[in-house]
Amino acid sequence: MWRRFGSLFDSPFLRRVKWHLKRVSGKVDRRFFLSLFAFLVVFLGISATIVWLTETDQTLAELWRSWYWAGATVLGLGTGDLVGRPIGWFMSWVLGVFGVAIVALLTGALVGFVIDFLLKEGQGMGAAGYRDHIVVCGWNSTARDLVAELAGDEYATKLVLLHDSERNPADDSVYFVRGDTTNEEDLKRAGIETAASAIICPSDGSGEADMRSILTVLAIETMAPQVRTVVEVNNPNHVTHFERANVDEVMVTSKLASHLLARTALYPGLSALVVDIVSGGEGSELYRVALPEGGVGMSIDSVAALLRSRHRATLLAVSRDGVTHTNPGEGFLIEEGDALIVIAETLGDLEPLHD
């Protein structure tokens, strides 16, 4: 119960409001509000003293009662029966008008903040406030397709797009942050420090776009080395530069497409199979899952049979210590910490892995 209550106050929306409050408070002239507060205290003191001298027996108890009356009048809580003479009525009216002015000031400040919040959010100038989300850095045709793929994935996760444009090029399900993918402050607004992974997409097919992607990877690895970085590369010759930048995974789409085209030319039907497996929607899909209970120490064939019988999943490979063992031999034994790469129509009872 307390955990759910705490998570309510740690929601992305409240984290965004907190970020905007911090941003706005840095621009507020605090001396104005301190002066306004000091004036209010002095004005209440003078009003309470006048009423105490003219409307009461001038005892200490009546002085505190006069202070309470002045404060309650300003706040609109009622004046009570303390005043009964013209001077008291006059002070009551003055305090009432002053209270209305204070309420109007506070209401205006609140409305102004709400309008500023909505405008900044709509322009992509806010902060995501998510945790364990995916940050898409840059926008191109690949980014458009992967956003649609991730949005329809069974293991739903929040998406944040960091891109320098006047409006959100993705749909409303993606939180948009307008900014530079290499800028530290913009990356912070996208929540890179609390993200699960980041996907870097080049703005075009040029080599200069690859260089900018390298700068983005360097910025992310410096700020949040625990975040998994995946980058799309235009030129295969630039892969070594990305590896020096400590990127986790590199995808050369042109090279991948050429290999797939070549295999399809030799073995017709392979392209349709691969597209069906890696794309969302109906049919089987690729998943990276944890070991089923009791799987440690079992042979690869036994685990494959277990996955097939219990989860209708086909085992393709085993990921161990960052190395993927595809179609391992029959003597391959499953160890603690292994991750399984499977094909299945749905996750079902399987537990997905992202680390």
Protein backbone atom coordinates (compact mmCIF):
# COMPACT_ATOMS: atom_id res chain seq x y z
CA MET A 1 0.00 0.00 0.00
CA TRP A 2 2.70 2.47 1.03
CA ARG A 3 4.75 1.54 -2.04
CA ARG A 4 1.83 2.33 -4.33
CA PHE A 5 1.17 5.53 -2.40
CA GLY A 6 4.81 6.53 -2.82
CA SER A 7 4.81 5.68 -6.52
CA LEU A 8 1.84 8.01 -6.97
CA PHE A 9 4.02 10.94 -5.88
CA ASP A 10 6.88 9.69 -8.05
CA SER A 11 4.87 9.60 -11.27
CA PRO A 12 6.31 10.99 -14.53
CA PHE A 13 3.73 13.79 -14.55
CA LEU A 14 4.71 15.02 -11.08
CA ARG A 15 8.39 14.80 -11.99
CA ARG A 16 7.67 17.00 -15.02
CA VAL A 17 5.80 19.52 -12.83
CA LYS A 18 8.72 19.52 -10.39
CA TRP A 19 11.15 20.20 -13.25
CA HIS A 20 9.04 23.11 -14.52
CA LEU A 21 8.69 24.53 -10.99
CA LYS A 22 12.46 24.43 -10.61
CA ARG A 23 12.86 26.13 -14.00
CA VAL A 24 10.32 28.85 -13.24
CA SER A 25 11.55 29.46 -9.68
CA GLY A 26 14.99 30.26 -11.05
CA LYS A 27 13.50 33.20 -12.97
CA VAL A 28 11.34 34.55 -10.14
CA ASP A 29 12.43 37.72 -8.33
CA ARG A 30 12.35 36.49 -4.75
CA ARG A 31 12.89 39.97 -3.37
CA PHE A 32 9.48 40.97 -4.70
CA PHE A 33 7.71 38.19 -2.81
CA LEU A 34 9.75 38.81 0.34
CA SER A 35 8.81 42.48 0.16
CA LEU A 36 5.16 41.57 -0.42
CA PHE A 37 5.20 39.21 2.58
CA ALA A 38 6.85 41.85 4.79
CA PHE A 39 4.29 44.44 3.70
CA LEU A 40 1.46 42.02 4.48
CA VAL A 41 2.78 41.35 7.99
CA VAL A 42 3.23 45.08 8.69
CA PHE A 43 -0.21 45.91 7.27
CA LEU A 44 -1.85 43.20 9.36
CA GLY A 45 -0.01 44.46 12.43
CA ILE A 46 -1.15 48.03 11.90
CA SER A 47 -4.75 46.97 11.23
CA ALA A 48 -4.83 44.67 14.25
CA THR A 49 -3.38 47.39 16.49
CA ILE A 50 -5.92 50.00 15.32
CA VAL A 51 -8.81 47.60 15.96
CA TRP A 52 -7.30 46.61 19.34
CA LEU A 53 -7.08 50.26 20.40
CA THR A 54 -10.53 51.29 19.14
CA GLU A 55 -12.71 48.20 19.45
CA THR A 56 -11.47 46.24 22.51
CA ASP A 57 -10.56 46.61 26.19
CA GLN A 58 -6.88 46.68 25.18
CA THR A 59 -5.89 43.53 27.05
CA LEU A 60 -3.19 41.08 25.87
CA ALA A 61 -5.83 38.47 25.06
CA GLU A 62 -7.73 41.01 22.96
CA LEU A 63 -4.49 41.86 21.11
CA TRP A 64 -4.09 38.23 19.97
CA ARG A 65 -7.78 38.19 19.08
CA SER A 66 -7.28 41.33 16.94
CA TRP A 67 -4.42 39.62 15.10
CA TYR A 68 -6.61 36.58 14.44
CA TRP A 69 -9.42 38.81 13.21
CA ALA A 70 -7.07 40.63 10.78
CA GLY A 71 -5.68 37.39 9.37
CA ALA A 72 -9.12 35.77 9.04
CA THR A 73 -10.47 38.86 7.28
CA VAL A 74 -7.67 38.85 4.71
CA LEU A 75 -8.17 35.15 4.05
CA GLY A 76 -11.93 35.58 3.74
CA LEU A 77 -12.68 33.29 6.69
CA GLY A 78 -15.06 35.76 8.33
CA THR A 79 -14.59 38.76 10.60
CA GLY A 80 -16.51 37.56 13.61
CA ASP A 81 -18.11 40.02 16.05
CA LEU A 82 -14.97 41.91 17.03
CA VAL A 83 -15.72 45.20 15.28
CA GLY A 84 -18.78 47.32 15.82
CA ARG A 85 -17.66 50.90 15.14
CA PRO A 86 -17.01 52.82 11.92
CA ILE A 87 -13.21 52.56 12.23
CA GLY A 88 -13.48 48.78 12.64
CA TRP A 89 -15.81 48.45 9.68
CA PHE A 90 -13.46 50.55 7.56
CA MET A 91 -10.45 48.38 8.47
CA SER A 92 -12.55 45.29 7.73
CA TRP A 93 -13.34 46.57 4.24
CA VAL A 94 -9.70 47.48 3.57
CA LEU A 95 -8.49 44.05 4.69
CA GLY A 96 -11.16 42.36 2.59
CA VAL A 97 -10.08 44.23 -0.54
CA PHE A 98 -6.44 43.43 0.24
CA GLY A 99 -7.33 39.75 0.63
CA VAL A 100 -9.07 39.69 -2.75
CA ALA A 101 -5.96 41.24 -4.31
CA ILE A 102 -3.75 38.56 -2.73
CA VAL A 103 -6.01 35.76 -3.98
CA ALA A 104 -6.07 37.30 -7.46
CA LEU A 105 -2.25 37.50 -7.45
CA LEU A 106 -1.86 33.87 -6.41
CA THR A 107 -4.52 32.73 -8.89
CA GLY A 108 -2.80 34.63 -11.69
CA ALA A 109 0.56 33.08 -10.81
CA LEU A 110 -1.00 29.59 -10.80
CA VAL A 111 -2.79 30.12 -14.11
CA GLY A 112 0.39 31.55 -15.60
CA PHE A 113 2.35 28.48 -14.51
CA VAL A 114 -0.25 26.10 -15.97
CA ILE A 115 -0.25 27.96 -19.29
CA ASP A 116 3.55 28.00 -19.36
CA PHE A 117 3.61 24.28 -18.52
CA LEU A 118 1.22 23.40 -21.34
CA LEU A 119 3.02 25.61 -23.86
CA LYS A 120 6.45 24.24 -23.02
CA GLU A 121 5.21 20.65 -23.09
CA GLY A 122 3.55 21.20 -26.46
CA GLN A 123 6.73 22.73 -27.89
CA GLY A 124 8.94 19.90 -26.69
CA MET A 125 10.65 22.10 -24.09
CA GLY A 126 9.69 19.99 -21.08
CA ALA A 127 11.33 17.03 -19.33
CA ALA A 128 10.22 13.43 -19.84
CA GLY A 129 10.20 12.30 -16.20
CA TYR A 130 10.22 8.59 -17.15
CA ARG A 131 12.34 5.76 -15.79
CA ASP A 132 13.50 2.62 -17.61
CA HIS A 133 12.33 4.05 -20.92
CA ILE A 134 13.86 4.12 -24.40
CA VAL A 135 15.29 7.35 -25.78
CA VAL A 136 15.31 7.68 -29.58
CA CYS A 137 17.96 10.22 -30.57
CA GLY A 138 17.33 11.65 -34.03
CA TRP A 139 14.64 11.09 -36.62
CA ASN A 140 14.64 9.38 -40.02
CA SER A 141 12.67 6.67 -41.80
CA THR A 142 14.26 4.02 -39.59
CA ALA A 143 13.24 5.91 -36.45
CA ARG A 144 9.68 6.20 -37.74
CA ASP A 145 9.45 2.44 -38.31
CA LEU A 146 11.12 1.48 -35.02
CA VAL A 147 8.78 3.77 -33.05
CA ALA A 148 5.82 1.96 -34.61
CA GLU A 149 7.49 -1.37 -33.80
CA LEU A 150 8.24 -0.49 -30.17
CA ALA A 151 4.80 1.03 -29.62
CA GLY A 152 3.18 -2.26 -30.63
CA ASP A 153 5.53 -4.55 -28.72
CA GLU A 154 3.99 -6.82 -26.10
CA TYR A 155 6.47 -5.68 -23.45
CA ALA A 156 5.23 -2.08 -23.39
CA THR A 157 7.78 0.60 -22.58
CA LYS A 158 7.73 4.38 -22.67
CA LEU A 159 9.37 6.11 -25.62
CA VAL A 160 11.03 9.52 -25.67
CA LEU A 161 12.11 11.18 -28.91
CA LEU A 162 14.94 13.73 -28.77
CA HIS A 163 15.00 15.64 -32.03
CA ASP A 164 15.49 19.24 -33.14
CA SER A 165 12.22 20.14 -34.86
CA GLU A 166 9.33 22.51 -34.23
CA ARG A 167 6.79 19.74 -33.69
CA ASN A 168 6.68 16.07 -32.75
CA PRO A 169 7.25 13.99 -35.91
CA ALA A 170 6.03 10.86 -34.10
CA ASP A 171 2.54 10.18 -32.76
CA ASP A 172 1.18 11.26 -29.38
CA SER A 173 2.27 8.03 -27.68
CA VAL A 174 5.89 9.24 -27.88
CA TYR A 175 7.01 12.00 -25.51
CA PHE A 176 8.78 14.64 -27.59
CA VAL A 177 11.81 16.61 -26.42
CA ARG A 178 13.07 19.29 -28.77
CA GLY A 179 16.81 19.63 -28.61
CA ASP A 180 20.30 18.63 -29.69
CA THR A 181 21.18 14.95 -29.27
CA THR A 182 24.75 15.91 -28.31
CA ASN A 183 23.73 18.51 -25.71
CA GLU A 184 23.95 17.45 -22.07
CA GLU A 185 20.97 19.49 -20.87
CA ASP A 186 18.75 18.22 -23.68
CA LEU A 187 19.77 14.64 -22.96
CA LYS A 188 18.90 15.20 -19.30
CA ARG A 189 15.45 16.49 -20.29
CA ALA A 190 14.99 13.29 -22.28
CA GLY A 191 15.75 11.37 -19.08
CA ILE A 192 18.89 9.69 -20.39
CA GLU A 193 20.25 9.19 -16.86
CA THR A 194 17.29 6.99 -15.89
CA ALA A 195 16.69 5.37 -19.29
CA ALA A 196 17.05 1.67 -20.07
CA SER A 197 18.49 2.17 -23.55
CA ALA A 198 19.10 4.74 -26.24
CA ILE A 199 18.75 4.33 -30.00
CA ILE A 200 20.75 6.75 -32.13
CA CYS A 201 19.53 7.35 -35.69
CA PRO A 202 21.48 9.47 -38.21
CA SER A 203 19.61 12.43 -39.66
CA ASP A 204 20.59 11.45 -43.21
CA GLY A 205 22.76 8.98 -45.10
CA SER A 206 25.96 11.05 -45.06
CA GLY A 207 29.23 10.43 -43.26
CA GLU A 208 28.79 13.68 -41.35
CA ALA A 209 25.62 12.22 -39.82
CA ASP A 210 27.69 9.27 -38.56
CA MET A 211 30.16 11.68 -36.96
CA ARG A 212 27.32 13.41 -35.14
CA SER A 213 26.02 10.02 -34.01
CA ILE A 214 29.47 9.30 -32.54
CA LEU A 215 29.30 12.56 -30.57
CA THR A 216 25.86 11.53 -29.31
CA VAL A 217 27.19 8.15 -28.18
CA LEU A 218 30.13 9.83 -26.41
CA ALA A 219 27.76 12.22 -24.61
CA ILE A 220 25.50 9.38 -23.46
CA GLU A 221 28.38 7.14 -22.38
CA THR A 222 29.84 10.01 -20.36
CA MET A 223 26.56 10.93 -18.65
CA ALA A 224 25.01 7.48 -18.24
CA PRO A 225 27.39 4.60 -19.02
CA GLN A 226 24.84 2.10 -17.69
CA VAL A 227 22.40 2.95 -20.50
CA ARG A 228 22.48 0.50 -23.40
CA THR A 229 23.32 2.34 -26.64
CA VAL A 230 22.28 1.05 -30.05
CA VAL A 231 23.22 3.02 -33.15
CA GLU A 232 22.34 2.90 -36.82
CA VAL A 233 25.44 3.44 -38.98
CA ASN A 234 25.53 4.63 -42.57
CA ASN A 235 29.12 3.78 -43.50
CA PRO A 236 30.48 0.34 -42.43
CA ASN A 237 33.97 1.90 -42.26
CA HIS A 238 32.82 3.99 -39.28
CA VAL A 239 31.98 0.97 -37.11
CA THR A 240 35.43 0.95 -35.46
CA HIS A 241 34.95 4.58 -34.42
CA PHE A 242 31.66 3.72 -32.74
CA GLU A 243 33.29 0.79 -30.96
CA ARG A 244 35.97 3.14 -29.61
CA ALA A 245 33.14 5.30 -28.29
CA ASN A 246 31.98 2.23 -26.27
CA VAL A 247 28.68 1.80 -28.08
CA ASP A 248 26.92 -1.42 -27.06
CA GLU A 249 25.49 -2.44 -30.42
CA VAL A 250 25.95 -1.29 -34.00
CA MET A 251 23.47 -1.83 -36.81
CA VAL A 252 24.68 -1.18 -40.38
CA THR A 253 21.32 -1.26 -42.13
CA SER A 254 22.78 -1.22 -45.65
CA LYS A 255 25.03 -4.18 -44.86
CA LEU A 256 22.19 -6.08 -43.22
CA ALA A 257 19.93 -5.47 -46.21
CA SER A 258 22.60 -6.61 -48.68
CA HIS A 259 23.17 -9.87 -46.77
CA LEU A 260 19.45 -10.55 -46.61
CA LEU A 261 19.05 -9.84 -50.32
CA ALA A 262 21.89 -12.21 -51.14
CA ARG A 263 20.49 -15.06 -49.03
CA THR A 264 17.03 -14.51 -50.50
CA ALA A 265 18.44 -14.74 -54.01
CA LEU A 266 19.97 -18.12 -53.14
CA TYR A 267 17.12 -19.38 -50.96
CA PRO A 268 13.74 -17.89 -51.93
CA GLY A 269 11.36 -17.06 -49.10
CA LEU A 270 14.00 -16.15 -46.49
CA SER A 271 13.26 -12.42 -46.62
CA ALA A 272 9.57 -12.98 -45.87
CA LEU A 273 10.50 -15.23 -42.95
CA VAL A 274 12.98 -12.74 -41.46
CA VAL A 275 10.58 -9.81 -41.84
CA ASP A 276 7.83 -11.79 -40.16
CA ILE A 277 10.09 -12.71 -37.23
CA VAL A 278 11.58 -9.29 -36.52
CA SER A 279 8.46 -7.21 -37.20
CA GLY A 280 5.56 -6.72 -34.84
CA GLY A 281 1.96 -7.65 -35.40
CA GLU A 282 0.60 -11.11 -35.95
CA GLY A 283 2.81 -14.20 -36.13
CA SER A 284 5.94 -15.21 -34.25
CA GLU A 285 8.48 -12.69 -32.97
CA LEU A 286 11.94 -12.62 -31.43
CA TYR A 287 12.26 -12.38 -27.64
CA ARG A 288 15.17 -12.35 -25.19
CA VAL A 289 13.99 -14.12 -22.06
CA ALA A 290 15.27 -15.42 -18.74
CA LEU A 291 15.89 -19.07 -18.03
CA PRO A 292 12.82 -21.09 -17.05
CA GLU A 293 12.82 -22.40 -13.49
CA GLY A 294 15.12 -25.39 -13.13
CA GLY A 295 16.90 -24.69 -16.42
CA VAL A 296 20.42 -24.32 -14.97
CA GLY A 297 22.59 -27.35 -15.75
CA MET A 298 20.27 -28.72 -18.41
CA SER A 299 21.49 -29.50 -21.91
CA ILE A 300 20.55 -27.26 -24.80
CA ASP A 301 18.26 -29.92 -26.24
CA SER A 302 16.43 -30.36 -22.93
CA VAL A 303 15.86 -26.63 -22.54
CA ALA A 304 14.68 -26.39 -26.14
CA ALA A 305 12.19 -29.21 -25.54
CA LEU A 306 11.03 -27.55 -22.32
CA LEU A 307 10.44 -24.22 -24.06
CA ARG A 308 8.61 -25.92 -26.88
CA SER A 309 6.30 -27.99 -24.68
CA ARG A 310 5.50 -25.40 -22.01
CA HIS A 311 5.68 -22.09 -23.84
CA ARG A 312 5.38 -22.93 -27.55
CA ALA A 313 8.72 -21.16 -28.02
CA THR A 314 11.59 -22.23 -30.29
CA LEU A 315 15.12 -21.73 -28.94
CA LEU A 316 17.51 -20.05 -31.40
CA ALA A 317 20.51 -18.99 -29.35
CA VAL A 318 21.94 -18.51 -25.87
CA SER A 319 23.47 -15.21 -24.77
CA ARG A 320 26.30 -15.64 -22.24
CA ASP A 321 28.66 -12.92 -21.00
CA GLY A 322 27.93 -10.72 -23.97
CA VAL A 323 28.51 -13.51 -26.51
CA THR A 324 25.64 -15.01 -28.50
CA HIS A 325 25.89 -18.75 -29.12
CA THR A 326 23.65 -19.45 -32.11
CA ASN A 327 22.45 -23.02 -32.61
CA PRO A 328 24.94 -24.51 -30.09
CA GLY A 329 25.86 -28.18 -30.14
CA GLU A 330 24.15 -30.90 -28.12
CA GLY A 331 26.86 -30.86 -25.45
CA PHE A 332 26.18 -27.23 -24.61
CA LEU A 333 24.99 -26.88 -20.98
CA ILE A 334 22.92 -23.99 -19.64
CA GLU A 335 24.59 -21.89 -16.91
CA GLU A 336 23.35 -19.39 -14.33
CA GLY A 337 22.91 -15.94 -15.89
CA ASP A 338 22.33 -17.18 -19.44
CA ALA A 339 19.68 -15.44 -21.53
CA LEU A 340 17.67 -17.25 -24.17
CA ILE A 341 16.83 -15.95 -27.63
CA VAL A 342 13.55 -17.52 -28.71
CA ILE A 343 10.85 -17.28 -31.35
CA ALA A 344 7.31 -17.31 -30.01
CA GLU A 345 3.89 -15.92 -30.83
CA THR A 346 3.66 -14.34 -27.39
CA LEU A 347 5.72 -13.97 -24.22
CA GLY A 348 3.15 -15.84 -22.17
CA ASP A 349 4.77 -16.88 -18.87
CA LEU A 350 8.28 -16.13 -20.09
CA GLU A 351 10.12 -13.27 -18.41
CA PRO A 352 11.67 -10.73 -20.84
CA LEU A 353 15.22 -9.53 -20.35
CA HIS A 354 16.61 -6.13 -21.34
CA ASP A 355 19.93 -5.99 -19.46
